[in-house]
N, C-alpha and C. Protein backbone atom coordinates (compact mmCIF):
# COMPACT_ATOMS: atom_id res chain seq x y z
N UNK A 1 27.59 6.98 20.43
CA UNK A 1 26.61 7.49 21.41
C UNK A 1 25.99 8.77 20.87
N UNK A 2 24.67 8.78 20.71
CA UNK A 2 23.99 9.97 20.22
C UNK A 2 23.57 10.83 21.40
N UNK A 3 23.07 12.01 21.09
CA UNK A 3 22.82 12.99 22.14
C UNK A 3 21.73 12.54 23.12
N UNK A 4 20.80 11.70 22.68
CA UNK A 4 19.77 11.22 23.60
C UNK A 4 20.38 10.49 24.78
N UNK A 5 21.38 9.64 24.52
CA UNK A 5 22.04 8.92 25.59
C UNK A 5 22.85 9.87 26.47
N UNK A 6 23.44 10.88 25.82
CA UNK A 6 24.25 11.83 26.58
C UNK A 6 23.40 12.65 27.53
N UNK A 7 22.19 12.99 27.12
CA UNK A 7 21.31 13.76 27.98
C UNK A 7 21.05 13.04 29.29
N UNK A 8 20.92 11.72 29.23
CA UNK A 8 20.69 10.95 30.45
C UNK A 8 21.88 11.09 31.40
N UNK A 9 23.08 11.17 30.83
CA UNK A 9 24.27 11.36 31.65
C UNK A 9 24.34 12.78 32.19
N UNK A 10 24.01 13.76 31.35
CA UNK A 10 24.12 15.16 31.74
C UNK A 10 23.20 15.50 32.90
N UNK A 11 22.05 14.85 32.97
CA UNK A 11 21.12 15.15 34.06
C UNK A 11 21.75 14.85 35.43
N UNK A 12 22.76 14.01 35.43
CA UNK A 12 23.41 13.63 36.68
C UNK A 12 24.63 14.49 36.98
N UNK A 13 24.94 15.42 36.10
CA UNK A 13 26.13 16.24 36.25
C UNK A 13 25.73 17.72 36.16
N UNK A 14 25.86 18.43 37.26
CA UNK A 14 25.37 19.81 37.31
C UNK A 14 26.09 20.72 36.33
N UNK A 15 27.40 20.57 36.17
CA UNK A 15 28.15 21.43 35.26
C UNK A 15 27.66 21.25 33.82
N UNK A 16 27.51 20.03 33.41
CA UNK A 16 27.09 19.79 32.03
C UNK A 16 25.62 20.15 31.82
N UNK A 17 24.81 20.00 32.86
CA UNK A 17 23.41 20.43 32.75
C UNK A 17 23.34 21.93 32.53
N UNK A 18 24.14 22.69 33.27
CA UNK A 18 24.18 24.14 33.09
C UNK A 18 24.68 24.49 31.68
N UNK A 19 25.71 23.80 31.22
CA UNK A 19 26.26 24.07 29.90
C UNK A 19 25.24 23.76 28.81
N UNK A 20 24.50 22.69 28.99
CA UNK A 20 23.47 22.33 28.03
C UNK A 20 22.39 23.41 27.95
N UNK A 21 21.97 23.92 29.11
CA UNK A 21 20.99 25.00 29.14
C UNK A 21 21.50 26.24 28.43
N UNK A 22 22.79 26.52 28.56
CA UNK A 22 23.37 27.68 27.89
C UNK A 22 23.38 27.49 26.37
N UNK A 23 23.56 26.27 25.91
CA UNK A 23 23.51 26.03 24.46
C UNK A 23 22.10 26.29 23.93
N UNK A 24 21.08 25.94 24.71
CA UNK A 24 19.71 26.23 24.29
C UNK A 24 19.47 27.74 24.25
N UNK A 25 20.02 28.45 25.23
CA UNK A 25 19.88 29.91 25.25
C UNK A 25 20.57 30.52 24.03
N UNK A 26 21.70 29.98 23.65
CA UNK A 26 22.40 30.47 22.45
C UNK A 26 21.53 30.31 21.21
N UNK A 27 20.87 29.17 21.09
CA UNK A 27 19.99 28.94 19.94
C UNK A 27 18.83 29.94 19.93
N UNK A 28 18.25 30.19 21.09
CA UNK A 28 17.13 31.13 21.15
C UNK A 28 17.58 32.54 20.79
N UNK A 29 18.75 32.94 21.27
CA UNK A 29 19.25 34.28 20.98
C UNK A 29 19.59 34.43 19.50
N UNK A 30 20.25 33.43 18.92
CA UNK A 30 20.59 33.54 17.50
C UNK A 30 19.33 33.50 16.63
N UNK A 31 18.29 32.81 17.10
CA UNK A 31 17.02 32.83 16.38
C UNK A 31 16.43 34.23 16.32
N UNK A 32 16.45 34.93 17.46
CA UNK A 32 15.95 36.31 17.49
C UNK A 32 16.82 37.21 16.62
N UNK A 33 18.11 36.99 16.66
CA UNK A 33 19.02 37.77 15.82
C UNK A 33 18.72 37.56 14.34
N UNK A 34 18.48 36.32 13.96
CA UNK A 34 18.18 36.01 12.57
C UNK A 34 16.91 36.72 12.11
N UNK A 35 15.85 36.60 12.86
CA UNK A 35 14.58 37.20 12.45
C UNK A 35 14.70 38.72 12.34
N UNK A 36 15.44 39.34 13.24
CA UNK A 36 15.58 40.80 13.19
C UNK A 36 16.46 41.22 12.02
N UNK A 37 17.51 40.46 11.74
CA UNK A 37 18.38 40.82 10.62
C UNK A 37 17.64 40.68 9.29
N UNK A 38 16.82 39.65 9.15
CA UNK A 38 16.04 39.46 7.92
C UNK A 38 15.01 40.59 7.78
N UNK A 39 14.37 40.95 8.87
CA UNK A 39 13.39 42.04 8.83
C UNK A 39 14.05 43.33 8.34
N UNK A 40 15.24 43.62 8.85
CA UNK A 40 15.92 44.85 8.48
C UNK A 40 16.29 44.87 7.00
N UNK A 41 16.76 43.76 6.47
CA UNK A 41 17.19 43.71 5.08
C UNK A 41 16.04 43.62 4.11
N UNK A 42 15.03 42.83 4.47
CA UNK A 42 14.02 42.45 3.48
C UNK A 42 12.66 43.11 3.65
N UNK A 43 12.42 43.69 4.81
CA UNK A 43 11.07 44.21 5.06
C UNK A 43 11.06 45.65 5.57
N UNK A 44 12.19 46.32 5.49
CA UNK A 44 12.27 47.71 5.96
C UNK A 44 13.08 48.52 4.96
N UNK A 45 12.78 49.81 4.91
CA UNK A 45 13.52 50.70 4.02
C UNK A 45 14.59 51.47 4.76
N UNK A 46 15.03 50.90 5.86
CA UNK A 46 16.18 51.43 6.58
C UNK A 46 16.86 50.26 7.26
N UNK A 47 18.07 50.47 7.75
CA UNK A 47 18.81 49.40 8.41
C UNK A 47 18.61 49.44 9.93
N UNK A 48 17.61 50.21 10.39
CA UNK A 48 17.36 50.29 11.83
C UNK A 48 16.97 48.93 12.39
N UNK A 49 17.43 48.67 13.62
CA UNK A 49 17.18 47.39 14.27
C UNK A 49 16.37 47.59 15.54
N UNK A 50 15.61 46.56 15.88
CA UNK A 50 14.80 46.64 17.10
C UNK A 50 15.61 46.44 18.36
N UNK A 51 16.80 45.87 18.24
CA UNK A 51 17.71 45.71 19.38
C UNK A 51 19.13 45.63 18.83
N UNK A 52 20.10 45.64 19.72
CA UNK A 52 21.51 45.68 19.34
C UNK A 52 21.98 44.25 19.01
N UNK A 53 22.06 43.96 17.72
CA UNK A 53 22.49 42.63 17.27
C UNK A 53 23.91 42.34 17.75
N UNK A 54 24.76 43.35 17.74
CA UNK A 54 26.16 43.13 18.10
C UNK A 54 26.30 42.79 19.58
N UNK A 55 25.49 43.41 20.41
CA UNK A 55 25.51 43.07 21.84
C UNK A 55 24.98 41.66 22.04
N UNK A 56 23.95 41.29 21.30
CA UNK A 56 23.45 39.92 21.39
C UNK A 56 24.52 38.93 20.97
N UNK A 57 25.27 39.27 19.93
CA UNK A 57 26.32 38.37 19.47
C UNK A 57 27.42 38.24 20.52
N UNK A 58 27.72 39.33 21.22
CA UNK A 58 28.73 39.24 22.28
C UNK A 58 28.24 38.32 23.40
N UNK A 59 26.94 38.36 23.69
CA UNK A 59 26.39 37.46 24.70
C UNK A 59 26.48 36.01 24.26
N UNK A 60 26.20 35.77 22.98
CA UNK A 60 26.34 34.41 22.44
C UNK A 60 27.78 33.94 22.57
N UNK A 61 28.73 34.81 22.26
CA UNK A 61 30.14 34.45 22.38
C UNK A 61 30.51 34.12 23.83
N UNK A 62 29.97 34.91 24.77
CA UNK A 62 30.26 34.63 26.18
C UNK A 62 29.69 33.30 26.61
N UNK A 63 28.48 32.98 26.11
CA UNK A 63 27.91 31.67 26.41
C UNK A 63 28.81 30.55 25.89
N UNK A 64 29.30 30.72 24.67
CA UNK A 64 30.17 29.68 24.12
C UNK A 64 31.40 29.48 24.99
N UNK A 65 32.01 30.58 25.42
CA UNK A 65 33.18 30.48 26.26
C UNK A 65 32.85 29.83 27.61
N UNK A 66 31.67 30.16 28.14
CA UNK A 66 31.28 29.58 29.42
C UNK A 66 31.03 28.08 29.30
N UNK A 67 30.42 27.67 28.19
CA UNK A 67 30.23 26.23 27.95
C UNK A 67 31.58 25.53 27.92
N UNK A 68 32.54 26.11 27.22
CA UNK A 68 33.87 25.50 27.16
C UNK A 68 34.50 25.39 28.55
N UNK A 69 34.36 26.45 29.35
CA UNK A 69 34.92 26.41 30.71
C UNK A 69 34.28 25.30 31.54
N UNK A 70 32.96 25.20 31.44
CA UNK A 70 32.25 24.17 32.22
C UNK A 70 32.65 22.76 31.78
N UNK A 71 32.78 22.57 30.48
CA UNK A 71 33.20 21.25 29.98
C UNK A 71 34.61 20.94 30.46
N UNK A 72 35.50 21.92 30.36
CA UNK A 72 36.88 21.71 30.81
C UNK A 72 36.93 21.40 32.30
N UNK A 73 36.16 22.15 33.10
CA UNK A 73 36.13 21.91 34.53
C UNK A 73 35.58 20.52 34.83
N UNK A 74 34.54 20.13 34.09
CA UNK A 74 33.97 18.80 34.26
C UNK A 74 35.03 17.72 34.01
N UNK A 75 35.78 17.89 32.92
CA UNK A 75 36.80 16.90 32.59
C UNK A 75 37.93 16.89 33.62
N UNK A 76 38.26 18.08 34.15
CA UNK A 76 39.31 18.15 35.16
C UNK A 76 38.90 17.43 36.44
N UNK A 77 37.60 17.49 36.74
CA UNK A 77 37.10 16.86 37.98
C UNK A 77 36.87 15.37 37.80
N UNK A 78 36.30 14.99 36.68
CA UNK A 78 35.87 13.60 36.50
C UNK A 78 36.76 12.77 35.60
N UNK A 79 37.75 13.41 34.98
CA UNK A 79 38.59 12.67 34.05
C UNK A 79 37.83 12.35 32.78
N UNK A 80 37.88 11.10 32.35
CA UNK A 80 37.25 10.71 31.09
C UNK A 80 35.77 10.39 31.25
N UNK A 81 35.24 10.46 32.47
CA UNK A 81 33.82 10.19 32.67
C UNK A 81 32.98 11.19 31.89
N UNK A 82 32.09 10.70 31.07
CA UNK A 82 31.22 11.55 30.24
C UNK A 82 32.00 12.46 29.30
N UNK A 83 33.24 12.08 28.95
CA UNK A 83 34.05 12.94 28.08
C UNK A 83 33.36 13.16 26.74
N UNK A 84 32.71 12.12 26.21
CA UNK A 84 32.05 12.26 24.91
C UNK A 84 30.96 13.31 24.95
N UNK A 85 30.23 13.40 26.07
CA UNK A 85 29.17 14.39 26.17
C UNK A 85 29.71 15.80 26.09
N UNK A 86 30.86 16.03 26.72
CA UNK A 86 31.47 17.35 26.65
C UNK A 86 31.93 17.69 25.25
N UNK A 87 32.48 16.71 24.54
CA UNK A 87 32.93 16.93 23.18
C UNK A 87 31.76 17.27 22.26
N UNK A 88 30.65 16.57 22.43
CA UNK A 88 29.46 16.87 21.63
C UNK A 88 29.01 18.30 21.86
N UNK A 89 28.95 18.70 23.11
CA UNK A 89 28.45 20.03 23.44
C UNK A 89 29.36 21.12 22.90
N UNK A 90 30.67 20.94 23.01
CA UNK A 90 31.60 21.92 22.47
C UNK A 90 31.44 22.03 20.96
N UNK A 91 31.24 20.90 20.28
CA UNK A 91 31.03 20.92 18.84
C UNK A 91 29.76 21.69 18.48
N UNK A 92 28.70 21.46 19.23
CA UNK A 92 27.42 22.11 18.96
C UNK A 92 27.51 23.63 19.11
N UNK A 93 28.14 24.10 20.19
CA UNK A 93 28.17 25.55 20.43
C UNK A 93 29.04 26.28 19.43
N UNK A 94 30.02 25.59 18.85
CA UNK A 94 30.81 26.21 17.78
C UNK A 94 29.91 26.55 16.60
N UNK A 95 29.05 25.61 16.22
CA UNK A 95 28.12 25.87 15.11
C UNK A 95 27.15 26.99 15.46
N UNK A 96 26.65 27.01 16.69
CA UNK A 96 25.69 28.06 17.06
C UNK A 96 26.36 29.43 17.01
N UNK A 97 27.60 29.51 17.48
CA UNK A 97 28.32 30.79 17.44
C UNK A 97 28.50 31.28 16.02
N UNK A 98 28.73 30.35 15.09
CA UNK A 98 28.90 30.75 13.70
C UNK A 98 27.59 31.28 13.12
N UNK A 99 26.46 30.74 13.57
CA UNK A 99 25.16 31.28 13.15
C UNK A 99 25.06 32.75 13.53
N UNK A 100 25.49 33.09 14.75
CA UNK A 100 25.48 34.48 15.17
C UNK A 100 26.31 35.36 14.26
N UNK A 101 27.46 34.86 13.84
CA UNK A 101 28.32 35.64 12.95
C UNK A 101 27.63 35.92 11.61
N UNK A 102 26.93 34.92 11.08
CA UNK A 102 26.26 35.13 9.79
C UNK A 102 25.06 36.07 9.91
N UNK A 103 24.39 36.10 11.07
CA UNK A 103 23.32 37.08 11.23
C UNK A 103 23.91 38.50 11.24
N UNK A 104 25.09 38.65 11.82
CA UNK A 104 25.76 39.96 11.76
C UNK A 104 26.07 40.33 10.31
N UNK A 105 26.47 39.36 9.51
CA UNK A 105 26.74 39.63 8.10
C UNK A 105 25.49 40.15 7.40
N UNK A 106 24.32 39.59 7.74
CA UNK A 106 23.08 40.07 7.13
C UNK A 106 22.80 41.50 7.55
N UNK A 107 23.06 41.83 8.81
CA UNK A 107 22.88 43.20 9.28
C UNK A 107 23.82 44.14 8.53
N UNK A 108 25.06 43.75 8.37
CA UNK A 108 26.02 44.58 7.63
C UNK A 108 25.57 44.77 6.19
N UNK A 109 24.96 43.74 5.61
CA UNK A 109 24.42 43.86 4.26
C UNK A 109 23.26 44.85 4.23
N UNK A 110 22.43 44.84 5.28
CA UNK A 110 21.31 45.78 5.36
C UNK A 110 21.81 47.22 5.46
N UNK A 111 22.91 47.42 6.16
CA UNK A 111 23.50 48.76 6.28
C UNK A 111 24.02 49.22 4.92
N UNK A 112 24.65 48.31 4.19
CA UNK A 112 25.19 48.66 2.87
C UNK A 112 24.09 48.82 1.83
N UNK A 113 22.94 48.16 2.08
CA UNK A 113 21.80 48.23 1.16
C UNK A 113 20.56 48.61 1.97
N UNK A 114 20.46 49.90 2.36
CA UNK A 114 19.42 50.30 3.30
C UNK A 114 17.99 50.17 2.79
N UNK A 115 17.78 50.24 1.49
CA UNK A 115 16.43 50.04 0.95
C UNK A 115 16.06 48.56 1.05
N UNK A 116 14.78 48.28 1.11
CA UNK A 116 14.33 46.88 1.18
C UNK A 116 14.86 46.11 -0.03
N UNK A 117 15.46 44.96 0.25
CA UNK A 117 16.06 44.18 -0.83
C UNK A 117 14.99 43.36 -1.55
N UNK A 118 14.75 43.71 -2.82
CA UNK A 118 13.85 42.96 -3.68
C UNK A 118 14.70 42.06 -4.56
N UNK A 119 14.38 40.78 -4.58
CA UNK A 119 15.24 39.81 -5.27
C UNK A 119 14.82 39.51 -6.70
N UNK A 120 13.95 40.34 -7.28
CA UNK A 120 13.61 40.19 -8.68
C UNK A 120 13.05 38.81 -8.98
N UNK A 121 13.56 38.17 -10.02
CA UNK A 121 13.07 36.86 -10.42
C UNK A 121 13.35 35.78 -9.37
N UNK A 122 14.23 36.11 -8.40
CA UNK A 122 14.58 35.16 -7.34
C UNK A 122 13.81 35.40 -6.05
N UNK A 123 12.83 36.28 -6.12
CA UNK A 123 12.08 36.62 -4.91
C UNK A 123 11.41 35.39 -4.30
N UNK A 124 10.72 34.61 -5.10
CA UNK A 124 10.00 33.44 -4.57
C UNK A 124 10.97 32.43 -3.97
N UNK A 125 12.07 32.16 -4.67
CA UNK A 125 13.04 31.18 -4.16
C UNK A 125 13.72 31.68 -2.90
N UNK A 126 14.06 32.97 -2.87
CA UNK A 126 14.72 33.51 -1.69
C UNK A 126 13.79 33.47 -0.49
N UNK A 127 12.53 33.81 -0.70
CA UNK A 127 11.55 33.75 0.38
C UNK A 127 11.40 32.31 0.89
N UNK A 128 11.38 31.37 -0.03
CA UNK A 128 11.27 29.96 0.36
C UNK A 128 12.46 29.54 1.23
N UNK A 129 13.66 29.98 0.86
CA UNK A 129 14.85 29.65 1.64
C UNK A 129 14.76 30.30 3.02
N UNK A 130 14.37 31.57 3.05
CA UNK A 130 14.19 32.27 4.34
C UNK A 130 13.23 31.50 5.25
N UNK A 131 12.12 31.09 4.69
CA UNK A 131 11.10 30.41 5.49
C UNK A 131 11.60 29.06 5.99
N UNK A 132 12.39 28.37 5.18
CA UNK A 132 12.94 27.08 5.60
C UNK A 132 13.92 27.25 6.76
N UNK A 133 14.77 28.27 6.68
CA UNK A 133 15.71 28.52 7.76
C UNK A 133 14.96 28.96 9.02
N UNK A 134 13.96 29.83 8.84
CA UNK A 134 13.15 30.26 9.98
C UNK A 134 12.45 29.08 10.64
N UNK A 135 12.00 28.12 9.84
CA UNK A 135 11.34 26.93 10.40
C UNK A 135 12.31 26.11 11.24
N UNK A 136 13.56 26.03 10.80
CA UNK A 136 14.56 25.32 11.60
C UNK A 136 14.77 26.00 12.94
N UNK A 137 14.87 27.33 12.92
CA UNK A 137 15.02 28.07 14.18
C UNK A 137 13.82 27.82 15.09
N UNK A 138 12.63 27.80 14.52
CA UNK A 138 11.42 27.64 15.31
C UNK A 138 11.37 26.29 16.00
N UNK A 139 11.88 25.26 15.36
CA UNK A 139 11.74 23.91 15.87
C UNK A 139 12.97 23.37 16.58
N UNK A 140 14.12 23.99 16.39
CA UNK A 140 15.36 23.36 16.83
C UNK A 140 15.49 23.26 18.35
N UNK A 141 15.05 24.27 19.09
CA UNK A 141 15.19 24.21 20.55
C UNK A 141 14.33 23.09 21.14
N UNK A 142 13.03 22.99 20.78
CA UNK A 142 12.25 21.85 21.28
C UNK A 142 12.86 20.49 20.89
N UNK A 143 13.38 20.40 19.68
CA UNK A 143 14.00 19.15 19.24
C UNK A 143 15.20 18.81 20.12
N UNK A 144 16.04 19.81 20.39
CA UNK A 144 17.23 19.58 21.20
C UNK A 144 16.87 19.27 22.65
N UNK A 145 15.89 19.98 23.19
CA UNK A 145 15.50 19.74 24.58
C UNK A 145 14.89 18.36 24.77
N UNK A 146 14.16 17.90 23.78
CA UNK A 146 13.47 16.61 23.87
C UNK A 146 14.26 15.48 23.21
N UNK A 147 15.47 15.84 22.70
CA UNK A 147 16.30 14.90 21.91
C UNK A 147 15.42 14.04 21.01
N UNK A 148 14.63 14.73 20.19
CA UNK A 148 13.65 14.08 19.33
C UNK A 148 14.33 13.71 18.01
N UNK A 149 14.78 12.48 17.91
CA UNK A 149 15.53 12.04 16.75
C UNK A 149 14.69 12.09 15.48
N UNK A 150 13.43 11.69 15.56
CA UNK A 150 12.57 11.67 14.37
C UNK A 150 12.38 13.07 13.81
N UNK A 151 12.09 14.04 14.68
CA UNK A 151 11.91 15.41 14.21
C UNK A 151 13.20 16.00 13.68
N UNK A 152 14.32 15.68 14.33
CA UNK A 152 15.61 16.18 13.86
C UNK A 152 15.90 15.65 12.47
N UNK A 153 15.66 14.37 12.26
CA UNK A 153 15.90 13.77 10.96
C UNK A 153 15.00 14.40 9.89
N UNK A 154 13.74 14.63 10.23
CA UNK A 154 12.81 15.23 9.28
C UNK A 154 13.24 16.65 8.92
N UNK A 155 13.64 17.44 9.92
CA UNK A 155 14.09 18.81 9.67
C UNK A 155 15.29 18.83 8.75
N UNK A 156 16.23 17.93 8.99
CA UNK A 156 17.42 17.87 8.14
C UNK A 156 17.03 17.51 6.71
N UNK A 157 16.23 16.46 6.57
CA UNK A 157 15.84 16.01 5.23
C UNK A 157 15.02 17.06 4.49
N UNK A 158 14.21 17.83 5.23
CA UNK A 158 13.39 18.87 4.61
C UNK A 158 14.21 20.10 4.22
N UNK A 159 15.46 20.16 4.65
CA UNK A 159 16.26 21.37 4.44
C UNK A 159 17.45 21.16 3.51
N UNK A 160 17.68 19.93 3.06
CA UNK A 160 18.89 19.67 2.28
C UNK A 160 18.89 20.41 0.94
N UNK A 161 17.71 20.76 0.44
CA UNK A 161 17.63 21.44 -0.86
C UNK A 161 18.17 22.86 -0.81
N UNK A 162 18.26 23.44 0.39
CA UNK A 162 18.68 24.84 0.52
C UNK A 162 20.05 25.05 -0.11
N UNK A 163 20.98 24.16 0.18
CA UNK A 163 22.35 24.32 -0.33
C UNK A 163 22.36 24.38 -1.85
N UNK A 164 21.69 23.43 -2.49
CA UNK A 164 21.72 23.36 -3.95
C UNK A 164 21.09 24.59 -4.58
N UNK A 165 19.91 24.99 -4.09
CA UNK A 165 19.24 26.13 -4.71
C UNK A 165 20.00 27.42 -4.47
N UNK A 166 20.58 27.58 -3.29
CA UNK A 166 21.38 28.78 -3.02
C UNK A 166 22.55 28.88 -3.98
N UNK A 167 23.25 27.77 -4.19
CA UNK A 167 24.39 27.77 -5.11
C UNK A 167 23.94 28.07 -6.53
N UNK A 168 22.79 27.53 -6.92
CA UNK A 168 22.28 27.79 -8.28
C UNK A 168 21.97 29.27 -8.47
N UNK A 169 21.37 29.90 -7.47
CA UNK A 169 21.04 31.32 -7.57
C UNK A 169 22.30 32.16 -7.73
N UNK A 170 23.33 31.84 -6.95
CA UNK A 170 24.58 32.60 -7.03
C UNK A 170 25.18 32.48 -8.43
N UNK A 171 25.21 31.27 -8.97
CA UNK A 171 25.77 31.07 -10.32
C UNK A 171 24.96 31.84 -11.35
N UNK A 172 23.64 31.80 -11.23
CA UNK A 172 22.79 32.52 -12.19
C UNK A 172 22.99 34.02 -12.09
N UNK A 173 23.18 34.53 -10.89
CA UNK A 173 23.43 35.96 -10.71
C UNK A 173 24.76 36.37 -11.33
N UNK A 174 25.76 35.53 -11.18
CA UNK A 174 27.07 35.82 -11.78
C UNK A 174 26.94 35.92 -13.30
N UNK A 175 26.07 35.08 -13.86
CA UNK A 175 25.86 35.07 -15.32
C UNK A 175 24.93 36.17 -15.79
N UNK A 176 24.38 36.96 -14.83
CA UNK A 176 23.51 38.07 -15.19
C UNK A 176 22.19 37.64 -15.77
N UNK A 177 21.60 36.60 -15.18
CA UNK A 177 20.37 36.03 -15.75
C UNK A 177 19.13 36.90 -15.53
N UNK A 178 19.22 37.90 -14.65
CA UNK A 178 18.09 38.82 -14.46
C UNK A 178 18.57 40.24 -14.73
N UNK A 179 18.44 40.72 -15.98
CA UNK A 179 18.95 42.05 -16.34
C UNK A 179 18.21 43.19 -15.65
N UNK A 180 17.07 42.91 -15.04
CA UNK A 180 16.34 43.97 -14.35
C UNK A 180 17.01 44.37 -13.03
N UNK A 181 17.89 43.52 -12.54
CA UNK A 181 18.57 43.81 -11.27
C UNK A 181 19.76 44.74 -11.50
N UNK A 182 19.91 45.69 -10.60
CA UNK A 182 21.12 46.50 -10.64
C UNK A 182 22.31 45.65 -10.19
N UNK A 183 23.49 46.13 -10.49
CA UNK A 183 24.68 45.39 -10.06
C UNK A 183 24.73 45.26 -8.54
N UNK A 184 24.36 46.34 -7.86
CA UNK A 184 24.35 46.31 -6.40
C UNK A 184 23.35 45.32 -5.84
N UNK A 185 22.16 45.28 -6.44
CA UNK A 185 21.15 44.32 -5.99
C UNK A 185 21.61 42.89 -6.22
N UNK A 186 22.21 42.63 -7.38
CA UNK A 186 22.67 41.28 -7.69
C UNK A 186 23.73 40.82 -6.69
N UNK A 187 24.65 41.71 -6.35
CA UNK A 187 25.68 41.37 -5.36
C UNK A 187 25.04 41.10 -4.00
N UNK A 188 24.11 41.97 -3.61
CA UNK A 188 23.45 41.82 -2.31
C UNK A 188 22.68 40.50 -2.23
N UNK A 189 21.97 40.15 -3.30
CA UNK A 189 21.20 38.90 -3.31
C UNK A 189 22.15 37.70 -3.21
N UNK A 190 23.24 37.74 -3.98
CA UNK A 190 24.20 36.63 -3.95
C UNK A 190 24.77 36.44 -2.54
N UNK A 191 25.14 37.54 -1.90
CA UNK A 191 25.67 37.44 -0.53
C UNK A 191 24.60 36.93 0.43
N UNK A 192 23.40 37.43 0.27
CA UNK A 192 22.32 37.07 1.19
C UNK A 192 21.99 35.58 1.12
N UNK A 193 21.82 35.05 -0.09
CA UNK A 193 21.48 33.63 -0.17
C UNK A 193 22.64 32.76 0.31
N UNK A 194 23.85 33.24 0.14
CA UNK A 194 25.01 32.50 0.68
C UNK A 194 24.98 32.50 2.21
N UNK A 195 24.63 33.64 2.81
CA UNK A 195 24.53 33.69 4.27
C UNK A 195 23.41 32.76 4.77
N UNK A 196 22.29 32.78 4.07
CA UNK A 196 21.19 31.89 4.45
C UNK A 196 21.62 30.43 4.35
N UNK A 197 22.33 30.11 3.30
CA UNK A 197 22.83 28.75 3.12
C UNK A 197 23.72 28.35 4.29
N UNK A 198 24.63 29.22 4.69
CA UNK A 198 25.57 28.87 5.77
C UNK A 198 24.84 28.76 7.11
N UNK A 199 23.88 29.65 7.37
CA UNK A 199 23.10 29.53 8.60
C UNK A 199 22.37 28.20 8.63
N UNK A 200 21.72 27.86 7.53
CA UNK A 200 21.03 26.58 7.46
C UNK A 200 21.96 25.41 7.67
N UNK A 201 23.15 25.47 7.10
CA UNK A 201 24.12 24.38 7.24
C UNK A 201 24.56 24.21 8.69
N UNK A 202 24.80 25.31 9.39
CA UNK A 202 25.22 25.21 10.79
C UNK A 202 24.09 24.68 11.67
N UNK A 203 22.85 25.08 11.38
CA UNK A 203 21.72 24.54 12.13
C UNK A 203 21.56 23.04 11.87
N UNK A 204 21.80 22.62 10.64
CA UNK A 204 21.73 21.20 10.34
C UNK A 204 22.83 20.43 11.07
N UNK A 205 24.00 21.05 11.23
CA UNK A 205 25.07 20.42 12.01
C UNK A 205 24.63 20.20 13.44
N UNK A 206 23.97 21.22 14.02
CA UNK A 206 23.46 21.08 15.39
C UNK A 206 22.45 19.95 15.46
N UNK A 207 21.52 19.92 14.51
CA UNK A 207 20.50 18.88 14.50
C UNK A 207 21.12 17.49 14.33
N UNK A 208 22.21 17.42 13.59
CA UNK A 208 22.83 16.12 13.36
C UNK A 208 23.36 15.50 14.65
N UNK A 209 23.58 16.33 15.68
CA UNK A 209 24.05 15.79 16.96
C UNK A 209 22.99 14.94 17.64
N UNK A 210 21.73 15.12 17.24
CA UNK A 210 20.64 14.32 17.80
C UNK A 210 20.56 12.96 17.11
N UNK A 211 21.05 12.90 15.88
CA UNK A 211 20.89 11.71 15.05
C UNK A 211 22.18 10.91 14.93
N UNK A 212 23.29 11.60 14.75
CA UNK A 212 24.56 10.94 14.45
C UNK A 212 25.40 10.69 15.70
N UNK A 213 26.27 9.67 15.66
CA UNK A 213 27.28 9.54 16.71
C UNK A 213 28.27 10.70 16.61
N UNK A 214 29.06 10.90 17.66
CA UNK A 214 29.93 12.07 17.75
C UNK A 214 30.80 12.25 16.51
N UNK A 215 31.41 11.17 16.03
CA UNK A 215 32.36 11.31 14.93
C UNK A 215 31.70 11.75 13.63
N UNK A 216 30.37 11.70 13.55
CA UNK A 216 29.68 12.08 12.32
C UNK A 216 28.81 13.31 12.49
N UNK A 217 28.95 14.02 13.60
CA UNK A 217 28.22 15.28 13.75
C UNK A 217 28.66 16.24 12.64
N UNK A 218 27.66 16.82 11.96
CA UNK A 218 27.97 17.74 10.86
C UNK A 218 28.07 17.07 9.51
N UNK A 219 27.97 15.73 9.50
CA UNK A 219 28.04 15.01 8.23
C UNK A 219 26.64 14.52 7.84
N UNK A 220 26.56 13.99 6.63
CA UNK A 220 25.28 13.55 6.06
C UNK A 220 24.60 12.54 6.97
N UNK A 221 23.30 12.70 7.13
CA UNK A 221 22.50 11.78 7.93
C UNK A 221 21.98 10.68 7.02
N UNK A 222 22.39 9.46 7.28
CA UNK A 222 21.96 8.35 6.44
C UNK A 222 20.56 7.90 6.84
N UNK A 223 19.84 7.37 5.86
CA UNK A 223 18.47 6.92 6.10
C UNK A 223 18.39 5.83 7.16
N UNK A 224 19.40 4.96 7.20
CA UNK A 224 19.33 3.79 8.09
C UNK A 224 20.16 3.95 9.34
N UNK A 225 20.51 5.17 9.71
CA UNK A 225 21.27 5.37 10.95
C UNK A 225 20.47 4.88 12.15
């Protein structure tokens, strides 16, 4: 059962409808956190933030806990009725919460590297990765709200390259392939592209819930699913 079918069930259950809305709010909040953390690291010469990322992350954590409570209460009241829908939702919010953690990591990197991070020979590739992750954030809430399987599949397929290129950049940095970079810059770039990779991976896990059955959420999306 994919998420499209589950949505039809959730509309009939107030607890799960509320929990679903909270998962959308989590995605919107982590999206704002991501954009602000990237701005601080890559487009500012200080680590100042436009809002408190840590407070936003605490709110995301509270949403996750509230979703779990609502799912548990639903199961306590209805037994196994719609149990799969609750399991899907709990799986999804775990990934969203992890996105929040990685945006905090980017903020911490900005504090350790307060000058704007220039990625040297990797500037174009890093920008491309940033833009791909930002595009996922921009589209993911409408996709989830509309359970748009075609758009979810396209977003996943358009983003699979992120993992490979991020790993390649890290290996090249370890080998010192850009001697113009300081040691500190090279470390910062390696950490940053790894954080971007993990954020993208967690967003792809969320998107996979629209395409895959429960047991394959977070796994590769096959062409003929």
